[in-house]
PDB file of N, CA and C in Angstrom:
ATOM      1  N   UNK A   1       4.918 -19.085 -29.198  1.00  0.00           N
ATOM      2  CA  UNK A   1       5.881 -19.765 -28.356  1.00  0.00           C
ATOM      3  C   UNK A   1       6.987 -18.811 -27.892  1.00  0.00           C
ATOM      4  N   UNK A   2       7.343 -17.884 -28.763  1.00  0.00           N
ATOM      5  CA  UNK A   2       8.393 -16.927 -28.429  1.00  0.00           C
ATOM      6  C   UNK A   2       7.981 -16.017 -27.274  1.00  0.00           C
ATOM      7  N   UNK A   3       6.725 -15.623 -27.253  1.00  0.00           N
ATOM      8  CA  UNK A   3       6.241 -14.749 -26.185  1.00  0.00           C
ATOM      9  C   UNK A   3       6.262 -15.471 -24.845  1.00  0.00           C
ATOM     10  N   UNK A   4       5.978 -16.749 -24.841  1.00  0.00           N
ATOM     11  CA  UNK A   4       6.026 -17.532 -23.600  1.00  0.00           C
ATOM     12  C   UNK A   4       7.431 -17.501 -23.011  1.00  0.00           C
ATOM     13  N   UNK A   5       8.451 -17.656 -23.851  1.00  0.00           N
ATOM     14  CA  UNK A   5       9.832 -17.634 -23.352  1.00  0.00           C
ATOM     15  C   UNK A   5      10.222 -16.254 -22.854  1.00  0.00           C
ATOM     16  N   UNK A   6       9.763 -15.221 -23.547  1.00  0.00           N
ATOM     17  CA  UNK A   6      10.041 -13.855 -23.089  1.00  0.00           C
ATOM     18  C   UNK A   6       9.393 -13.617 -21.733  1.00  0.00           C
ATOM     19  N   UNK A   7       8.165 -14.087 -21.552  1.00  0.00           N
ATOM     20  CA  UNK A   7       7.485 -13.926 -20.266  1.00  0.00           C
ATOM     21  C   UNK A   7       8.201 -14.698 -19.164  1.00  0.00           C
ATOM     22  N   UNK A   8       8.642 -15.903 -19.454  1.00  0.00           N
ATOM     23  CA  UNK A   8       9.339 -16.708 -18.443  1.00  0.00           C
ATOM     24  C   UNK A   8      10.648 -16.055 -18.021  1.00  0.00           C
ATOM     25  N   UNK A   9      11.411 -15.582 -18.984  1.00  0.00           N
ATOM     26  CA  UNK A   9      12.682 -14.921 -18.668  1.00  0.00           C
ATOM     27  C   UNK A   9      12.427 -13.628 -17.901  1.00  0.00           C
ATOM     28  N   UNK A  10      11.410 -12.875 -18.305  1.00  0.00           N
ATOM     29  CA  UNK A  10      11.084 -11.626 -17.611  1.00  0.00           C
ATOM     30  C   UNK A  10      10.684 -11.879 -16.165  1.00  0.00           C
ATOM     31  N   UNK A  11       9.878 -12.893 -15.936  1.00  0.00           N
ATOM     32  CA  UNK A  11       9.469 -13.231 -14.572  1.00  0.00           C
ATOM     33  C   UNK A  11      10.675 -13.625 -13.737  1.00  0.00           C
ATOM     34  N   UNK A  12      11.569 -14.389 -14.305  1.00  0.00           N
ATOM     35  CA  UNK A  12      12.779 -14.800 -13.597  1.00  0.00           C
ATOM     36  C   UNK A  12      13.659 -13.593 -13.255  1.00  0.00           C
ATOM     37  N   UNK A  13      13.866 -12.694 -14.206  1.00  0.00           N
ATOM     38  CA  UNK A  13      14.709 -11.509 -13.980  1.00  0.00           C
ATOM     39  C   UNK A  13      14.087 -10.593 -12.933  1.00  0.00           C
ATOM     40  N   UNK A  14      12.790 -10.353 -13.027  1.00  0.00           N
ATOM     41  CA  UNK A  14      12.118  -9.499 -12.041  1.00  0.00           C
ATOM     42  C   UNK A  14      12.167 -10.140 -10.659  1.00  0.00           C
ATOM     43  N   UNK A  15      12.021 -11.444 -10.577  1.00  0.00           N
ATOM     44  CA  UNK A  15      12.119 -12.137  -9.289  1.00  0.00           C
ATOM     45  C   UNK A  15      13.495 -12.006  -8.664  1.00  0.00           C
ATOM     46  N   UNK A  16      14.538 -12.148  -9.474  1.00  0.00           N
ATOM     47  CA  UNK A  16      15.911 -11.998  -8.968  1.00  0.00           C
ATOM     48  C   UNK A  16      16.156 -10.567  -8.494  1.00  0.00           C
ATOM     49  N   UNK A  17      15.758  -9.583  -9.307  1.00  0.00           N
ATOM     50  CA  UNK A  17      15.959  -8.184  -8.916  1.00  0.00           C
ATOM     51  C   UNK A  17      15.165  -7.827  -7.656  1.00  0.00           C
ATOM     52  N   UNK A  18      13.958  -8.348  -7.538  1.00  0.00           N
ATOM     53  CA  UNK A  18      13.146  -8.091  -6.343  1.00  0.00           C
ATOM     54  C   UNK A  18      13.781  -8.703  -5.104  1.00  0.00           C
ATOM     55  N   UNK A  19      14.320  -9.890  -5.240  1.00  0.00           N
ATOM     56  CA  UNK A  19      14.985 -10.538  -4.109  1.00  0.00           C
ATOM     57  C   UNK A  19      16.216  -9.757  -3.679  1.00  0.00           C
ATOM     58  N   UNK A  20      17.001  -9.299  -4.636  1.00  0.00           N
ATOM     59  CA  UNK A  20      18.194  -8.508  -4.309  1.00  0.00           C
ATOM     60  C   UNK A  20      17.806  -7.215  -3.603  1.00  0.00           C
ATOM     61  N   UNK A  21      16.778  -6.533  -4.111  1.00  0.00           N
ATOM     62  CA  UNK A  21      16.333  -5.291  -3.463  1.00  0.00           C
ATOM     63  C   UNK A  21      15.819  -5.558  -2.057  1.00  0.00           C
ATOM     64  N   UNK A  22      15.051  -6.620  -1.886  1.00  0.00           N
ATOM     65  CA  UNK A  22      14.486  -6.920  -0.570  1.00  0.00           C
ATOM     66  C   UNK A  22      15.573  -7.257   0.446  1.00  0.00           C
ATOM     67  N   UNK A  23      16.659  -7.862  -0.007  1.00  0.00           N
ATOM     68  CA  UNK A  23      17.726  -8.235   0.918  1.00  0.00           C
ATOM     69  C   UNK A  23      18.693  -7.096   1.216  1.00  0.00           C
ATOM     70  N   UNK A  24      18.793  -6.117   0.333  1.00  0.00           N
ATOM     71  CA  UNK A  24      19.779  -5.052   0.538  1.00  0.00           C
ATOM     72  C   UNK A  24      19.205  -3.772   1.118  1.00  0.00           C
ATOM     73  N   UNK A  25      17.915  -3.533   0.976  1.00  0.00           N
ATOM     74  CA  UNK A  25      17.321  -2.296   1.496  1.00  0.00           C
ATOM     75  C   UNK A  25      17.029  -2.485   2.981  1.00  0.00           C
ATOM     76  N   UNK A  26      17.529  -1.569   3.829  1.00  0.00           N
ATOM     77  CA  UNK A  26      17.439  -1.776   5.275  1.00  0.00           C
ATOM     78  C   UNK A  26      16.059  -1.514   5.882  1.00  0.00           C
ATOM     79  N   UNK A  27      15.198  -0.775   5.204  1.00  0.00           N
ATOM     80  CA  UNK A  27      13.938  -0.371   5.810  1.00  0.00           C
ATOM     81  C   UNK A  27      12.755  -0.919   5.012  1.00  0.00           C
ATOM     82  N   UNK A  28      11.866  -1.618   5.687  1.00  0.00           N
ATOM     83  CA  UNK A  28      10.656  -2.123   5.045  1.00  0.00           C
ATOM     84  C   UNK A  28       9.748  -0.958   4.666  1.00  0.00           C
ATOM     85  N   UNK A  29       9.659   0.040   5.531  1.00  0.00           N
ATOM     86  CA  UNK A  29       8.840   1.211   5.224  1.00  0.00           C
ATOM     87  C   UNK A  29       9.383   1.945   4.001  1.00  0.00           C
ATOM     88  N   UNK A  30      10.693   2.084   3.911  1.00  0.00           N
ATOM     89  CA  UNK A  30      11.298   2.732   2.751  1.00  0.00           C
ATOM     90  C   UNK A  30      11.021   1.964   1.470  1.00  0.00           C
ATOM     91  N   UNK A  31      11.087   0.643   1.539  1.00  0.00           N
ATOM     92  CA  UNK A  31      10.797  -0.194   0.376  1.00  0.00           C
ATOM     93  C   UNK A  31       9.337  -0.052  -0.036  1.00  0.00           C
ATOM     94  N   UNK A  32       8.441  -0.055   0.934  1.00  0.00           N
ATOM     95  CA  UNK A  32       7.020   0.115   0.644  1.00  0.00           C
ATOM     96  C   UNK A  32       6.757   1.484   0.041  1.00  0.00           C
ATOM     97  N   UNK A  33       7.362   2.510   0.600  1.00  0.00           N
ATOM     98  CA  UNK A  33       7.174   3.870   0.104  1.00  0.00           C
ATOM     99  C   UNK A  33       7.701   4.010  -1.324  1.00  0.00           C
ATOM    100  N   UNK A  34       8.863   3.451  -1.584  1.00  0.00           N
ATOM    101  CA  UNK A  34       9.437   3.536  -2.921  1.00  0.00           C
ATOM    102  C   UNK A  34       8.573   2.780  -3.933  1.00  0.00           C
ATOM    103  N   UNK A  35       8.099   1.607  -3.566  1.00  0.00           N
ATOM    104  CA  UNK A  35       7.276   0.813  -4.483  1.00  0.00           C
ATOM    105  C   UNK A  35       5.942   1.493  -4.770  1.00  0.00           C
ATOM    106  N   UNK A  36       5.321   2.061  -3.746  1.00  0.00           N
ATOM    107  CA  UNK A  36       4.057   2.756  -3.986  1.00  0.00           C
ATOM    108  C   UNK A  36       4.276   4.002  -4.833  1.00  0.00           C
ATOM    109  N   UNK A  37       5.393   4.687  -4.631  1.00  0.00           N
ATOM    110  CA  UNK A  37       5.710   5.853  -5.445  1.00  0.00           C
ATOM    111  C   UNK A  37       5.917   5.455  -6.901  1.00  0.00           C
ATOM    112  N   UNK A  38       6.605   4.350  -7.131  1.00  0.00           N
ATOM    113  CA  UNK A  38       6.813   3.885  -8.503  1.00  0.00           C
ATOM    114  C   UNK A  38       5.500   3.474  -9.159  1.00  0.00           C
ATOM    115  N   UNK A  39       4.611   2.850  -8.403  1.00  0.00           N
ATOM    116  CA  UNK A  39       3.313   2.461  -8.961  1.00  0.00           C
ATOM    117  C   UNK A  39       2.515   3.692  -9.348  1.00  0.00           C
ATOM    118  N   UNK A  40       2.479   4.696  -8.481  1.00  0.00           N
ATOM    119  CA  UNK A  40       1.713   5.903  -8.787  1.00  0.00           C
ATOM    120  C   UNK A  40       2.327   6.691  -9.936  1.00  0.00           C
ATOM    121  N   UNK A  41       3.640   6.720 -10.041  1.00  0.00           N
ATOM    122  CA  UNK A  41       4.296   7.493 -11.103  1.00  0.00           C
ATOM    123  C   UNK A  41       4.313   6.772 -12.442  1.00  0.00           C
ATOM    124  N   UNK A  42       4.438   5.459 -12.424  1.00  0.00           N
ATOM    125  CA  UNK A  42       4.646   4.720 -13.669  1.00  0.00           C
ATOM    126  C   UNK A  42       3.382   3.997 -14.133  1.00  0.00           C
ATOM    127  N   UNK A  43       2.730   3.263 -13.260  1.00  0.00           N
ATOM    128  CA  UNK A  43       1.623   2.415 -13.694  1.00  0.00           C
ATOM    129  C   UNK A  43       0.263   3.103 -13.695  1.00  0.00           C
ATOM    130  N   UNK A  44       0.033   4.041 -12.778  1.00  0.00           N
ATOM    131  CA  UNK A  44      -1.287   4.666 -12.698  1.00  0.00           C
ATOM    132  C   UNK A  44      -1.661   5.439 -13.961  1.00  0.00           C
ATOM    133  N   UNK A  45      -0.752   6.238 -14.546  1.00  0.00           N
ATOM    134  CA  UNK A  45      -1.135   6.915 -15.800  1.00  0.00           C
ATOM    135  C   UNK A  45      -1.494   5.938 -16.923  1.00  0.00           C
ATOM    136  N   UNK A  46      -0.805   4.814 -16.986  1.00  0.00           N
ATOM    137  CA  UNK A  46      -1.127   3.828 -18.016  1.00  0.00           C
ATOM    138  C   UNK A  46      -2.483   3.187 -17.757  1.00  0.00           C
ATOM    139  N   UNK A  47      -2.776   2.880 -16.508  1.00  0.00           N
ATOM    140  CA  UNK A  47      -4.081   2.315 -16.165  1.00  0.00           C
ATOM    141  C   UNK A  47      -5.194   3.292 -16.524  1.00  0.00           C
ATOM    142  N   UNK A  48      -4.990   4.550 -16.208  1.00  0.00           N
ATOM    143  CA  UNK A  48      -5.979   5.576 -16.514  1.00  0.00           C
ATOM    144  C   UNK A  48      -6.230   5.674 -18.019  1.00  0.00           C
ATOM    145  N   UNK A  49      -5.172   5.650 -18.798  1.00  0.00           N
ATOM    146  CA  UNK A  49      -5.325   5.726 -20.254  1.00  0.00           C
ATOM    147  C   UNK A  49      -6.029   4.492 -20.815  1.00  0.00           C
ATOM    148  N   UNK A  50      -5.674   3.317 -20.333  1.00  0.00           N
ATOM    149  CA  UNK A  50      -6.275   2.089 -20.862  1.00  0.00           C
ATOM    150  C   UNK A  50      -7.750   1.997 -20.501  1.00  0.00           C
ATOM    151  N   UNK A  51      -8.121   2.456 -19.331  1.00  0.00           N
ATOM    152  CA  UNK A  51      -9.520   2.370 -18.911  1.00  0.00           C
ATOM    153  C   UNK A  51     -10.384   3.397 -19.633  1.00  0.00           C
ATOM    154  N   UNK A  52      -9.898   4.629 -19.756  1.00  0.00           N
ATOM    155  CA  UNK A  52     -10.742   5.694 -20.296  1.00  0.00           C
ATOM    156  C   UNK A  52     -10.509   5.997 -21.779  1.00  0.00           C
ATOM    157  N   UNK A  53      -9.333   5.692 -22.303  1.00  0.00           N
ATOM    158  CA  UNK A  53      -9.018   6.004 -23.700  1.00  0.00           C
ATOM    159  C   UNK A  53      -8.438   4.777 -24.405  1.00  0.00           C
ATOM    160  N   UNK A  54      -9.115   3.653 -24.323  1.00  0.00           N
ATOM    161  CA  UNK A  54      -8.551   2.396 -24.835  1.00  0.00           C
ATOM    162  C   UNK A  54      -8.352   2.393 -26.348  1.00  0.00           C
ATOM    163  N   UNK A  55      -9.062   3.233 -27.081  1.00  0.00           N
ATOM    164  CA  UNK A  55      -8.887   3.264 -28.534  1.00  0.00           C
ATOM    165  C   UNK A  55      -7.608   3.997 -28.942  1.00  0.00           C
ATOM    166  N   UNK A  56      -7.014   4.736 -28.018  1.00  0.00           N
ATOM    167  CA  UNK A  56      -5.793   5.490 -28.311  1.00  0.00           C
ATOM    168  C   UNK A  56      -4.546   4.823 -27.742  1.00  0.00           C
ATOM    169  N   UNK A  57      -4.667   3.624 -27.210  1.00  0.00           N
ATOM    170  CA  UNK A  57      -3.537   2.952 -26.555  1.00  0.00           C
ATOM    171  C   UNK A  57      -3.136   1.702 -27.325  1.00  0.00           C
ATOM    172  N   UNK A  58      -1.827   1.439 -27.329  1.00  0.00           N
ATOM    173  CA  UNK A  58      -1.328   0.193 -27.899  1.00  0.00           C
ATOM    174  C   UNK A  58      -0.116  -0.269 -27.094  1.00  0.00           C
ATOM    175  N   UNK A  59       0.418  -1.413 -27.442  1.00  0.00           N
ATOM    176  CA  UNK A  59       1.516  -2.015 -26.686  1.00  0.00           C
ATOM    177  C   UNK A  59       2.776  -1.168 -26.729  1.00  0.00           C
ATOM    178  N   UNK A  60       3.113  -0.668 -27.899  1.00  0.00           N
ATOM    179  CA  UNK A  60       4.351   0.102 -28.040  1.00  0.00           C
ATOM    180  C   UNK A  60       4.271   1.433 -27.298  1.00  0.00           C
ATOM    181  N   UNK A  61       3.120   2.063 -27.336  1.00  0.00           N
ATOM    182  CA  UNK A  61       2.943   3.307 -26.593  1.00  0.00           C
ATOM    183  C   UNK A  61       3.010   3.077 -25.095  1.00  0.00           C
ATOM    184  N   UNK A  62       2.430   1.977 -24.637  1.00  0.00           N
ATOM    185  CA  UNK A  62       2.472   1.655 -23.215  1.00  0.00           C
ATOM    186  C   UNK A  62       3.889   1.350 -22.753  1.00  0.00           C
ATOM    187  N   UNK A  63       4.628   0.598 -23.552  1.00  0.00           N
ATOM    188  CA  UNK A  63       6.011   0.276 -23.203  1.00  0.00           C
ATOM    189  C   UNK A  63       6.890   1.523 -23.199  1.00  0.00           C
ATOM    190  N   UNK A  64       6.727   2.375 -24.191  1.00  0.00           N
ATOM    191  CA  UNK A  64       7.533   3.600 -24.221  1.00  0.00           C
ATOM    192  C   UNK A  64       7.160   4.530 -23.075  1.00  0.00           C
ATOM    193  N   UNK A  65       5.877   4.606 -22.718  1.00  0.00           N
ATOM    194  CA  UNK A  65       5.465   5.430 -21.578  1.00  0.00           C
ATOM    195  C   UNK A  65       6.046   4.888 -20.277  1.00  0.00           C
ATOM    196  N   UNK A  66       6.097   3.573 -20.137  1.00  0.00           N
ATOM    197  CA  UNK A  66       6.688   2.951 -18.953  1.00  0.00           C
ATOM    198  C   UNK A  66       8.165   3.312 -18.837  1.00  0.00           C
ATOM    199  N   UNK A  67       8.887   3.212 -19.941  1.00  0.00           N
ATOM    200  CA  UNK A  67      10.326   3.499 -19.930  1.00  0.00           C
ATOM    201  C   UNK A  67      10.586   4.969 -19.644  1.00  0.00           C
ATOM    202  N   UNK A  68       9.850   5.861 -20.300  1.00  0.00           N
ATOM    203  CA  UNK A  68      10.046   7.299 -20.082  1.00  0.00           C
ATOM    204  C   UNK A  68       9.706   7.676 -18.647  1.00  0.00           C
ATOM    205  N   UNK A  69       8.598   7.163 -18.111  1.00  0.00           N
ATOM    206  CA  UNK A  69       8.215   7.482 -16.736  1.00  0.00           C
ATOM    207  C   UNK A  69       9.244   6.961 -15.741  1.00  0.00           C
ATOM    208  N   UNK A  70       9.781   5.777 -15.982  1.00  0.00           N
ATOM    209  CA  UNK A  70      10.795   5.218 -15.090  1.00  0.00           C
ATOM    210  C   UNK A  70      12.067   6.055 -15.115  1.00  0.00           C
ATOM    211  N   UNK A  71      12.503   6.460 -16.301  1.00  0.00           N
ATOM    212  CA  UNK A  71      13.721   7.273 -16.421  1.00  0.00           C
ATOM    213  C   UNK A  71      13.531   8.631 -15.758  1.00  0.00           C
ATOM    214  N   UNK A  72      12.388   9.271 -15.992  1.00  0.00           N
ATOM    215  CA  UNK A  72      12.138  10.581 -15.379  1.00  0.00           C
ATOM    216  C   UNK A  72      12.059  10.460 -13.864  1.00  0.00           C
ATOM    217  N   UNK A  73      11.408   9.414 -13.369  1.00  0.00           N
ATOM    218  CA  UNK A  73      11.289   9.233 -11.916  1.00  0.00           C
ATOM    219  C   UNK A  73      12.644   8.953 -11.276  1.00  0.00           C
ATOM    220  N   UNK A  74      13.436   8.091 -11.872  1.00  0.00           N
ATOM    221  CA  UNK A  74      14.743   7.763 -11.305  1.00  0.00           C
ATOM    222  C   UNK A  74      15.741   8.904 -11.460  1.00  0.00           C
ATOM    223  N   UNK A  75      15.589   9.739 -12.484  1.00  0.00           N
ATOM    224  CA  UNK A  75      16.510  10.863 -12.641  1.00  0.00           C
ATOM    225  C   UNK A  75      16.241  11.954 -11.615  1.00  0.00           C
ATOM    226  N   UNK A  76      15.116  11.890 -10.930  1.00  0.00           N
ATOM    227  CA  UNK A  76      14.849  12.808  -9.829  1.00  0.00           C
ATOM    228  C   UNK A  76      15.566  12.401  -8.557  1.00  0.00           C
ATOM    229  N   UNK A  77      16.211  11.247  -8.565  1.00  0.00           N
ATOM    230  CA  UNK A  77      16.967  10.771  -7.407  1.00  0.00           C
ATOM    231  C   UNK A  77      16.143   9.862  -6.524  1.00  0.00           C
ATOM    232  N   UNK A  78      16.809   8.923  -5.906  1.00  0.00           N
ATOM    233  CA  UNK A  78      16.170   8.013  -4.953  1.00  0.00           C
ATOM    234  C   UNK A  78      17.160   7.739  -3.836  1.00  0.00           C
ATOM    235  N   UNK A  79      16.954   8.367  -2.667  1.00  0.00           N
ATOM    236  CA  UNK A  79      17.917   8.199  -1.578  1.00  0.00           C
ATOM    237  C   UNK A  79      17.994   6.770  -1.049  1.00  0.00           C
ATOM    238  N   UNK A  80      16.917   6.021  -1.148  1.00  0.00           N
ATOM    239  CA  UNK A  80      16.920   4.647  -0.650  1.00  0.00           C
ATOM    240  C   UNK A  80      17.865   3.757  -1.458  1.00  0.00           C
ATOM    241  N   UNK A  81      17.979   4.040  -2.751  1.00  0.00           N
ATOM    242  CA  UNK A  81      18.878   3.281  -3.619  1.00  0.00           C
ATOM    243  C   UNK A  81      20.230   3.955  -3.792  1.00  0.00           C
ATOM    244  N   UNK A  82      20.376   5.153  -3.226  1.00  0.00           N
ATOM    245  CA  UNK A  82      21.636   5.881  -3.343  1.00  0.00           C
ATOM    246  C   UNK A  82      21.814   6.567  -4.683  1.00  0.00           C
ATOM    247  N   UNK A  83      20.721   6.863  -5.384  1.00  0.00           N
ATOM    248  CA  UNK A  83      20.802   7.544  -6.672  1.00  0.00           C
ATOM    249  C   UNK A  83      20.730   9.054  -6.468  1.00  0.00           C
ATOM    250  N   UNK A  84      21.727   9.755  -6.941  1.00  0.00           N
ATOM    251  CA  UNK A  84      21.734  11.216  -6.855  1.00  0.00           C
ATOM    252  C   UNK A  84      20.827  11.782  -7.950  1.00  0.00           C
ATOM    253  N   UNK A  85      20.142  12.882  -7.666  1.00  0.00           N
ATOM    254  CA  UNK A  85      19.261  13.462  -8.687  1.00  0.00           C
ATOM    255  C   UNK A  85      20.053  14.096  -9.826  1.00  0.00           C
ATOM    256  N   UNK A  86      19.624  13.830 -11.041  1.00  0.00           N
ATOM    257  CA  UNK A  86      20.212  14.486 -12.207  1.00  0.00           C
ATOM    258  C   UNK A  86      19.292  15.565 -12.749  1.00  0.00           C
ATOM    259  N   UNK A  87      18.003  15.463 -12.447  1.00  0.00           N
ATOM    260  CA  UNK A  87      17.047  16.521 -12.771  1.00  0.00           C
ATOM    261  C   UNK A  87      16.698  17.208 -11.460  1.00  0.00           C
ATOM    262  N   UNK A  88      16.917  18.506 -11.399  1.00  0.00           N
ATOM    263  CA  UNK A  88      16.610  19.263 -10.184  1.00  0.00           C
ATOM    264  C   UNK A  88      15.224  19.886 -10.344  1.00  0.00           C
ATOM    265  N   UNK A  89      14.236  19.250  -9.735  1.00  0.00           N
ATOM    266  CA  UNK A  89      12.868  19.741  -9.795  1.00  0.00           C
ATOM    267  C   UNK A  89      12.727  20.982  -8.927  1.00  0.00           C
ATOM    268  N   UNK A  90      11.626  21.742  -9.097  1.00  0.00           N
ATOM    269  CA  UNK A  90      11.409  22.894  -8.212  1.00  0.00           C
ATOM    270  C   UNK A  90      11.379  22.438  -6.755  1.00  0.00           C
ATOM    271  N   UNK A  91      12.051  23.167  -5.905  1.00  0.00           N
ATOM    272  CA  UNK A  91      12.151  22.790  -4.504  1.00  0.00           C
ATOM    273  C   UNK A  91      13.492  22.173  -4.166  1.00  0.00           C
ATOM    274  N   UNK A  92      14.396  22.076  -5.128  1.00  0.00           N
ATOM    275  CA  UNK A  92      15.740  21.544  -4.885  1.00  0.00           C
ATOM    276  C   UNK A  92      16.482  22.527  -4.002  1.00  0.00           C
ATOM    277  N   UNK A  93      17.031  22.048  -2.881  1.00  0.00           N
ATOM    278  CA  UNK A  93      17.720  22.948  -1.954  1.00  0.00           C
ATOM    279  C   UNK A  93      19.227  22.714  -1.914  1.00  0.00           C
ATOM    280  N   UNK A  94      19.778  22.011  -2.856  1.00  0.00           N
ATOM    281  CA  UNK A  94      21.213  21.779  -2.898  1.00  0.00           C
ATOM    282  C   UNK A  94      21.644  20.485  -2.244  1.00  0.00           C
ATOM    283  N   UNK A  95      20.814  19.921  -1.398  1.00  0.00           N
ATOM    284  CA  UNK A  95      21.141  18.670  -0.723  1.00  0.00           C
ATOM    285  C   UNK A  95      20.171  17.549  -1.060  1.00  0.00           C
ATOM    286  N   UNK A  96      18.899  17.892  -1.142  1.00  0.00           N
ATOM    287  CA  UNK A  96      17.899  16.852  -1.373  1.00  0.00           C
ATOM    288  C   UNK A  96      16.737  17.403  -2.185  1.00  0.00           C
ATOM    289  N   UNK A  97      15.987  16.493  -2.748  1.00  0.00           N
ATOM    290  CA  UNK A  97      14.830  16.828  -3.554  1.00  0.00           C
ATOM    291  C   UNK A  97      13.620  16.965  -2.636  1.00  0.00           C
ATOM    292  N   UNK A  98      12.979  18.130  -2.644  1.00  0.00           N
ATOM    293  CA  UNK A  98      11.814  18.340  -1.796  1.00  0.00           C
ATOM    294  C   UNK A  98      10.507  18.126  -2.551  1.00  0.00           C
ATOM    295  N   UNK A  99      10.542  18.226  -3.855  1.00  0.00           N
ATOM    296  CA  UNK A  99       9.346  18.055  -4.666  1.00  0.00           C
ATOM    297  C   UNK A  99       9.718  17.234  -5.871  1.00  0.00           C
ATOM    298  N   UNK A 100       8.938  16.354  -6.328  1.00  0.00           N
ATOM    299  CA  UNK A 100       7.633  15.902  -5.878  1.00  0.00           C
ATOM    300  C   UNK A 100       7.699  14.706  -4.950  1.00  0.00           C
ATOM    301  N   UNK A 101       8.898  14.326  -4.515  1.00  0.00           N
ATOM    302  CA  UNK A 101       9.029  13.102  -3.737  1.00  0.00           C
ATOM    303  C   UNK A 101       9.187  13.408  -2.274  1.00  0.00           C
TER     304      UNK A 101
END
């Protein structure tokens, strides 16, 4: 029963955050690009591990990988959200991040 409530609250919070992002971001293309980038950076490695190495995966490892990937991706900066980069990847030219985004 506890998991059901956690899922309901999570769905509600994600829905609210998605609505706020959709209403405040000026470009549909930018929103699509950012979402696809987040899927490729955060969810694709987990999908790959679960499909090919399912005996080495568990819930806690997946959750920690999600959090670490999200933090690393967002620390590279996101101009659409106005986040300045805190990690300067190779290709940093002093104004914007050229790699890998």
